[in-house]
Amino acid sequence: MMFQKEAWVRIKRIVMRPEERTAQIPEDTRNVPLEMWVKGFAEQNGNLGDTIRVRTLTGRIETGEVVEIEPSYRHDFGKFIPEILTIGITLRDILDGGDNDGE
Protein backbone atom coordinates (compact mmCIF):
# COMPACT_ATOMS: atom_id res chain seq x y z
CA MET A 1 0.00 0.00 0.00
CA MET A 2 1.45 3.35 -1.05
CA PHE A 3 1.40 6.71 0.75
CA GLN A 4 2.46 10.23 -0.15
CA LYS A 5 4.80 12.63 1.61
CA GLU A 6 3.00 14.25 4.58
CA ALA A 7 0.75 11.19 5.06
CA TRP A 8 0.01 10.33 8.70
CA VAL A 9 1.79 7.02 9.43
CA ARG A 10 2.97 4.87 12.31
CA ILE A 11 6.53 3.57 12.35
CA LYS A 12 8.30 0.95 14.42
CA ARG A 13 11.98 0.79 15.32
CA ILE A 14 13.96 -1.66 17.43
CA VAL A 15 15.70 0.40 20.11
CA MET A 16 17.50 -2.55 21.77
CA ARG A 17 17.89 -6.16 20.75
CA PRO A 18 17.33 -8.76 23.52
CA GLU A 19 21.06 -9.31 24.00
CA GLU A 20 21.54 -5.57 24.65
CA ARG A 21 18.99 -5.39 27.46
CA THR A 22 20.02 -5.21 31.10
CA ALA A 23 19.96 -8.24 33.40
CA GLN A 24 18.06 -6.21 36.03
CA ILE A 25 14.71 -6.50 34.20
CA PRO A 26 12.42 -9.56 34.34
CA GLU A 27 13.48 -12.42 32.07
CA ASP A 28 10.32 -12.37 29.93
CA THR A 29 10.94 -8.67 29.23
CA ARG A 30 14.67 -9.17 28.70
CA ASN A 31 14.04 -11.85 26.05
CA VAL A 32 12.23 -9.53 23.63
CA PRO A 33 13.46 -6.43 21.81
CA LEU A 34 12.64 -2.97 23.13
CA GLU A 35 10.47 -1.40 20.43
CA MET A 36 9.56 2.21 19.74
CA TRP A 37 6.27 3.01 17.99
CA VAL A 38 5.75 6.57 16.74
CA LYS A 39 3.08 8.35 14.69
CA GLY A 40 4.03 11.21 12.44
CA PHE A 41 3.98 12.84 9.02
CA ALA A 42 5.98 10.99 6.35
CA GLU A 43 8.98 12.95 5.11
CA GLN A 44 8.81 11.16 1.72
CA ASN A 45 6.59 9.00 -0.47
CA GLY A 46 6.72 5.30 0.25
CA ASN A 47 5.07 1.94 0.81
CA LEU A 48 3.99 -0.03 3.83
CA GLY A 49 7.14 -1.76 5.15
CA ASP A 50 9.58 0.92 3.94
CA THR A 51 12.00 2.53 6.37
CA ILE A 52 11.39 6.27 6.37
CA ARG A 53 11.71 9.43 8.45
CA VAL A 54 8.64 10.96 10.08
CA ARG A 55 8.02 14.32 11.74
CA THR A 56 5.96 14.00 14.92
CA LEU A 57 3.36 16.50 16.09
CA THR A 58 6.02 17.96 18.41
CA GLY A 59 8.47 18.37 15.51
CA ARG A 60 10.75 15.48 16.47
CA ILE A 61 12.25 13.50 13.57
CA GLU A 62 12.30 9.70 13.91
CA THR A 63 13.19 6.87 11.56
CA GLY A 64 11.55 3.46 11.37
CA GLU A 65 9.59 0.91 9.36
CA VAL A 66 6.11 2.00 8.29
CA VAL A 67 3.65 -0.41 9.92
CA GLU A 68 0.40 1.51 9.45
CA ILE A 69 -0.94 4.24 7.17
CA GLU A 70 -3.44 6.72 8.63
CA PRO A 71 -3.43 5.13 12.11
CA SER A 72 -6.11 6.14 14.57
CA TYR A 73 -5.92 6.52 18.32
CA ARG A 74 -7.28 3.36 19.92
CA HIS A 75 -7.17 2.75 23.65
CA ASP A 76 -9.35 1.64 26.49
CA PHE A 77 -9.07 0.98 30.19
CA GLY A 78 -9.28 -2.80 29.95
CA LYS A 79 -12.06 -5.04 31.19
CA PHE A 80 -15.02 -3.66 33.12
CA ILE A 81 -14.16 -2.94 36.75
CA PRO A 82 -17.18 -2.05 38.93
CA GLU A 83 -15.14 0.20 41.23
CA ILE A 84 -14.15 2.42 38.29
CA LEU A 85 -17.81 2.97 37.43
CA THR A 86 -18.43 4.75 40.75
CA ILE A 87 -15.21 6.81 40.97
CA GLY A 88 -16.80 9.94 39.49
CA ILE A 89 -19.87 9.68 41.72
CA THR A 90 -17.76 9.17 44.84
CA LEU A 91 -15.38 12.01 43.94
CA ARG A 92 -18.23 14.47 43.30
CA ASP A 93 -19.76 13.53 46.64
CA ILE A 94 -16.45 14.10 48.44
CA LEU A 95 -15.81 17.42 46.68
CA ASP A 96 -19.33 18.58 47.51
CA GLY A 97 -18.59 18.05 51.20
CA GLY A 98 -20.53 14.83 51.56
CA ASP A 99 -19.43 12.03 53.83
CA ASN A 100 -19.48 9.52 50.94
CA ASP A 101 -22.22 7.35 52.43
CA GLY A 102 -24.60 8.05 49.56
CA GLU A 103 -26.88 10.42 51.46
C-alpha atoms as a PDB file:
ATOM      1  CA  MET A   1       0.000   0.000   0.000  1.00  0.00           C
ATOM      2  CA  MET A   2       1.451   3.354  -1.052  1.00  0.00           C
ATOM      3  CA  PHE A   3       1.395   6.707   0.749  1.00  0.00           C
ATOM      4  CA  GLN A   4       2.463  10.232  -0.148  1.00  0.00           C
ATOM      5  CA  LYS A   5       4.798  12.635   1.614  1.00  0.00           C
ATOM      6  CA  GLU A   6       3.003  14.251   4.581  1.00  0.00           C
ATOM      7  CA  ALA A   7       0.747  11.192   5.062  1.00  0.00           C
ATOM      8  CA  TRP A   8       0.005  10.334   8.697  1.00  0.00           C
ATOM      9  CA  VAL A   9       1.786   7.022   9.426  1.00  0.00           C
ATOM     10  CA  ARG A  10       2.971   4.872  12.309  1.00  0.00           C
ATOM     11  CA  ILE A  11       6.528   3.574  12.346  1.00  0.00           C
ATOM     12  CA  LYS A  12       8.302   0.948  14.420  1.00  0.00           C
ATOM     13  CA  ARG A  13      11.981   0.792  15.320  1.00  0.00           C
ATOM     14  CA  ILE A  14      13.957  -1.664  17.433  1.00  0.00           C
ATOM     15  CA  VAL A  15      15.702   0.401  20.114  1.00  0.00           C
ATOM     16  CA  MET A  16      17.500  -2.545  21.767  1.00  0.00           C
ATOM     17  CA  ARG A  17      17.889  -6.157  20.752  1.00  0.00           C
ATOM     18  CA  PRO A  18      17.327  -8.756  23.519  1.00  0.00           C
ATOM     19  CA  GLU A  19      21.061  -9.313  23.996  1.00  0.00           C
ATOM     20  CA  GLU A  20      21.543  -5.575  24.647  1.00  0.00           C
ATOM     21  CA  ARG A  21      18.987  -5.395  27.459  1.00  0.00           C
ATOM     22  CA  THR A  22      20.023  -5.213  31.105  1.00  0.00           C
ATOM     23  CA  ALA A  23      19.959  -8.238  33.399  1.00  0.00           C
ATOM     24  CA  GLN A  24      18.057  -6.206  36.028  1.00  0.00           C
ATOM     25  CA  ILE A  25      14.711  -6.502  34.200  1.00  0.00           C
ATOM     26  CA  PRO A  26      12.418  -9.561  34.340  1.00  0.00           C
ATOM     27  CA  GLU A  27      13.479 -12.421  32.068  1.00  0.00           C
ATOM     28  CA  ASP A  28      10.324 -12.369  29.934  1.00  0.00           C
ATOM     29  CA  THR A  29      10.943  -8.668  29.230  1.00  0.00           C
ATOM     30  CA  ARG A  30      14.671  -9.173  28.699  1.00  0.00           C
ATOM     31  CA  ASN A  31      14.041 -11.846  26.048  1.00  0.00           C
ATOM     32  CA  VAL A  32      12.230  -9.531  23.626  1.00  0.00           C
ATOM     33  CA  PRO A  33      13.460  -6.431  21.806  1.00  0.00           C
ATOM     34  CA  LEU A  34      12.644  -2.967  23.126  1.00  0.00           C
ATOM     35  CA  GLU A  35      10.468  -1.395  20.432  1.00  0.00           C
ATOM     36  CA  MET A  36       9.556   2.211  19.741  1.00  0.00           C
ATOM     37  CA  TRP A  37       6.267   3.006  17.991  1.00  0.00           C
ATOM     38  CA  VAL A  38       5.752   6.567  16.739  1.00  0.00           C
ATOM     39  CA  LYS A  39       3.077   8.352  14.695  1.00  0.00           C
ATOM     40  CA  GLY A  40       4.029  11.213  12.441  1.00  0.00           C
ATOM     41  CA  PHE A  41       3.983  12.836   9.022  1.00  0.00           C
ATOM     42  CA  ALA A  42       5.977  10.993   6.348  1.00  0.00           C
ATOM     43  CA  GLU A  43       8.977  12.946   5.113  1.00  0.00           C
ATOM     44  CA  GLN A  44       8.812  11.158   1.723  1.00  0.00           C
ATOM     45  CA  ASN A  45       6.589   8.997  -0.473  1.00  0.00           C
ATOM     46  CA  GLY A  46       6.721   5.295   0.248  1.00  0.00           C
ATOM     47  CA  ASN A  47       5.068   1.942   0.811  1.00  0.00           C
ATOM     48  CA  LEU A  48       3.993  -0.030   3.833  1.00  0.00           C
ATOM     49  CA  GLY A  49       7.137  -1.758   5.150  1.00  0.00           C
ATOM     50  CA  ASP A  50       9.578   0.925   3.942  1.00  0.00           C
ATOM     51  CA  THR A  51      12.003   2.531   6.373  1.00  0.00           C
ATOM     52  CA  ILE A  52      11.390   6.272   6.368  1.00  0.00           C
ATOM     53  CA  ARG A  53      11.711   9.429   8.452  1.00  0.00           C
ATOM     54  CA  VAL A  54       8.641  10.959  10.082  1.00  0.00           C
ATOM     55  CA  ARG A  55       8.016  14.318  11.741  1.00  0.00           C
ATOM     56  CA  THR A  56       5.960  13.999  14.925  1.00  0.00           C
ATOM     57  CA  LEU A  57       3.356  16.497  16.092  1.00  0.00           C
ATOM     58  CA  THR A  58       6.015  17.959  18.410  1.00  0.00           C
ATOM     59  CA  GLY A  59       8.466  18.371  15.513  1.00  0.00           C
ATOM     60  CA  ARG A  60      10.754  15.478  16.465  1.00  0.00           C
ATOM     61  CA  ILE A  61      12.250  13.501  13.567  1.00  0.00           C
ATOM     62  CA  GLU A  62      12.303   9.701  13.914  1.00  0.00           C
ATOM     63  CA  THR A  63      13.192   6.869  11.560  1.00  0.00           C
ATOM     64  CA  GLY A  64      11.546   3.462  11.367  1.00  0.00           C
ATOM     65  CA  GLU A  65       9.594   0.908   9.359  1.00  0.00           C
ATOM     66  CA  VAL A  66       6.115   1.999   8.286  1.00  0.00           C
ATOM     67  CA  VAL A  67       3.650  -0.410   9.922  1.00  0.00           C
ATOM     68  CA  GLU A  68       0.396   1.513   9.451  1.00  0.00           C
ATOM     69  CA  ILE A  69      -0.943   4.236   7.173  1.00  0.00           C
ATOM     70  CA  GLU A  70      -3.444   6.720   8.634  1.00  0.00           C
ATOM     71  CA  PRO A  71      -3.429   5.126  12.112  1.00  0.00           C
ATOM     72  CA  SER A  72      -6.108   6.140  14.567  1.00  0.00           C
ATOM     73  CA  TYR A  73      -5.916   6.525  18.317  1.00  0.00           C
ATOM     74  CA  ARG A  74      -7.276   3.359  19.916  1.00  0.00           C
ATOM     75  CA  HIS A  75      -7.171   2.749  23.647  1.00  0.00           C
ATOM     76  CA  ASP A  76      -9.352   1.641  26.490  1.00  0.00           C
ATOM     77  CA  PHE A  77      -9.068   0.983  30.188  1.00  0.00           C
ATOM     78  CA  GLY A  78      -9.280  -2.797  29.952  1.00  0.00           C
ATOM     79  CA  LYS A  79     -12.064  -5.037  31.194  1.00  0.00           C
ATOM     80  CA  PHE A  80     -15.021  -3.661  33.122  1.00  0.00           C
ATOM     81  CA  ILE A  81     -14.157  -2.941  36.752  1.00  0.00           C
ATOM     82  CA  PRO A  82     -17.178  -2.054  38.929  1.00  0.00           C
ATOM     83  CA  GLU A  83     -15.137   0.205  41.228  1.00  0.00           C
ATOM     84  CA  ILE A  84     -14.149   2.423  38.287  1.00  0.00           C
ATOM     85  CA  LEU A  85     -17.808   2.967  37.434  1.00  0.00           C
ATOM     86  CA  THR A  86     -18.432   4.747  40.748  1.00  0.00           C
ATOM     87  CA  ILE A  87     -15.215   6.805  40.973  1.00  0.00           C
ATOM     88  CA  GLY A  88     -16.797   9.937  39.493  1.00  0.00           C
ATOM     89  CA  ILE A  89     -19.870   9.684  41.718  1.00  0.00           C
ATOM     90  CA  THR A  90     -17.763   9.175  44.836  1.00  0.00           C
ATOM     91  CA  LEU A  91     -15.383  12.006  43.942  1.00  0.00           C
ATOM     92  CA  ARG A  92     -18.234  14.467  43.299  1.00  0.00           C
ATOM     93  CA  ASP A  93     -19.757  13.525  46.641  1.00  0.00           C
ATOM     94  CA  ILE A  94     -16.455  14.103  48.443  1.00  0.00           C
ATOM     95  CA  LEU A  95     -15.815  17.415  46.677  1.00  0.00           C
ATOM     96  CA  ASP A  96     -19.334  18.582  47.507  1.00  0.00           C
ATOM     97  CA  GLY A  97     -18.589  18.053  51.205  1.00  0.00           C
ATOM     98  CA  GLY A  98     -20.530  14.831  51.559  1.00  0.00           C
ATOM     99  CA  ASP A  99     -19.433  12.035  53.831  1.00  0.00           C
ATOM    100  CA  ASN A 100     -19.483   9.522  50.938  1.00  0.00           C
ATOM    101  CA  ASP A 101     -22.215   7.349  52.428  1.00  0.00           C
ATOM    102  CA  GLY A 102     -24.601   8.045  49.562  1.00  0.00           C
ATOM    103  CA  GLU A 103     -26.878  10.423  51.461  1.00  0.00           C
END
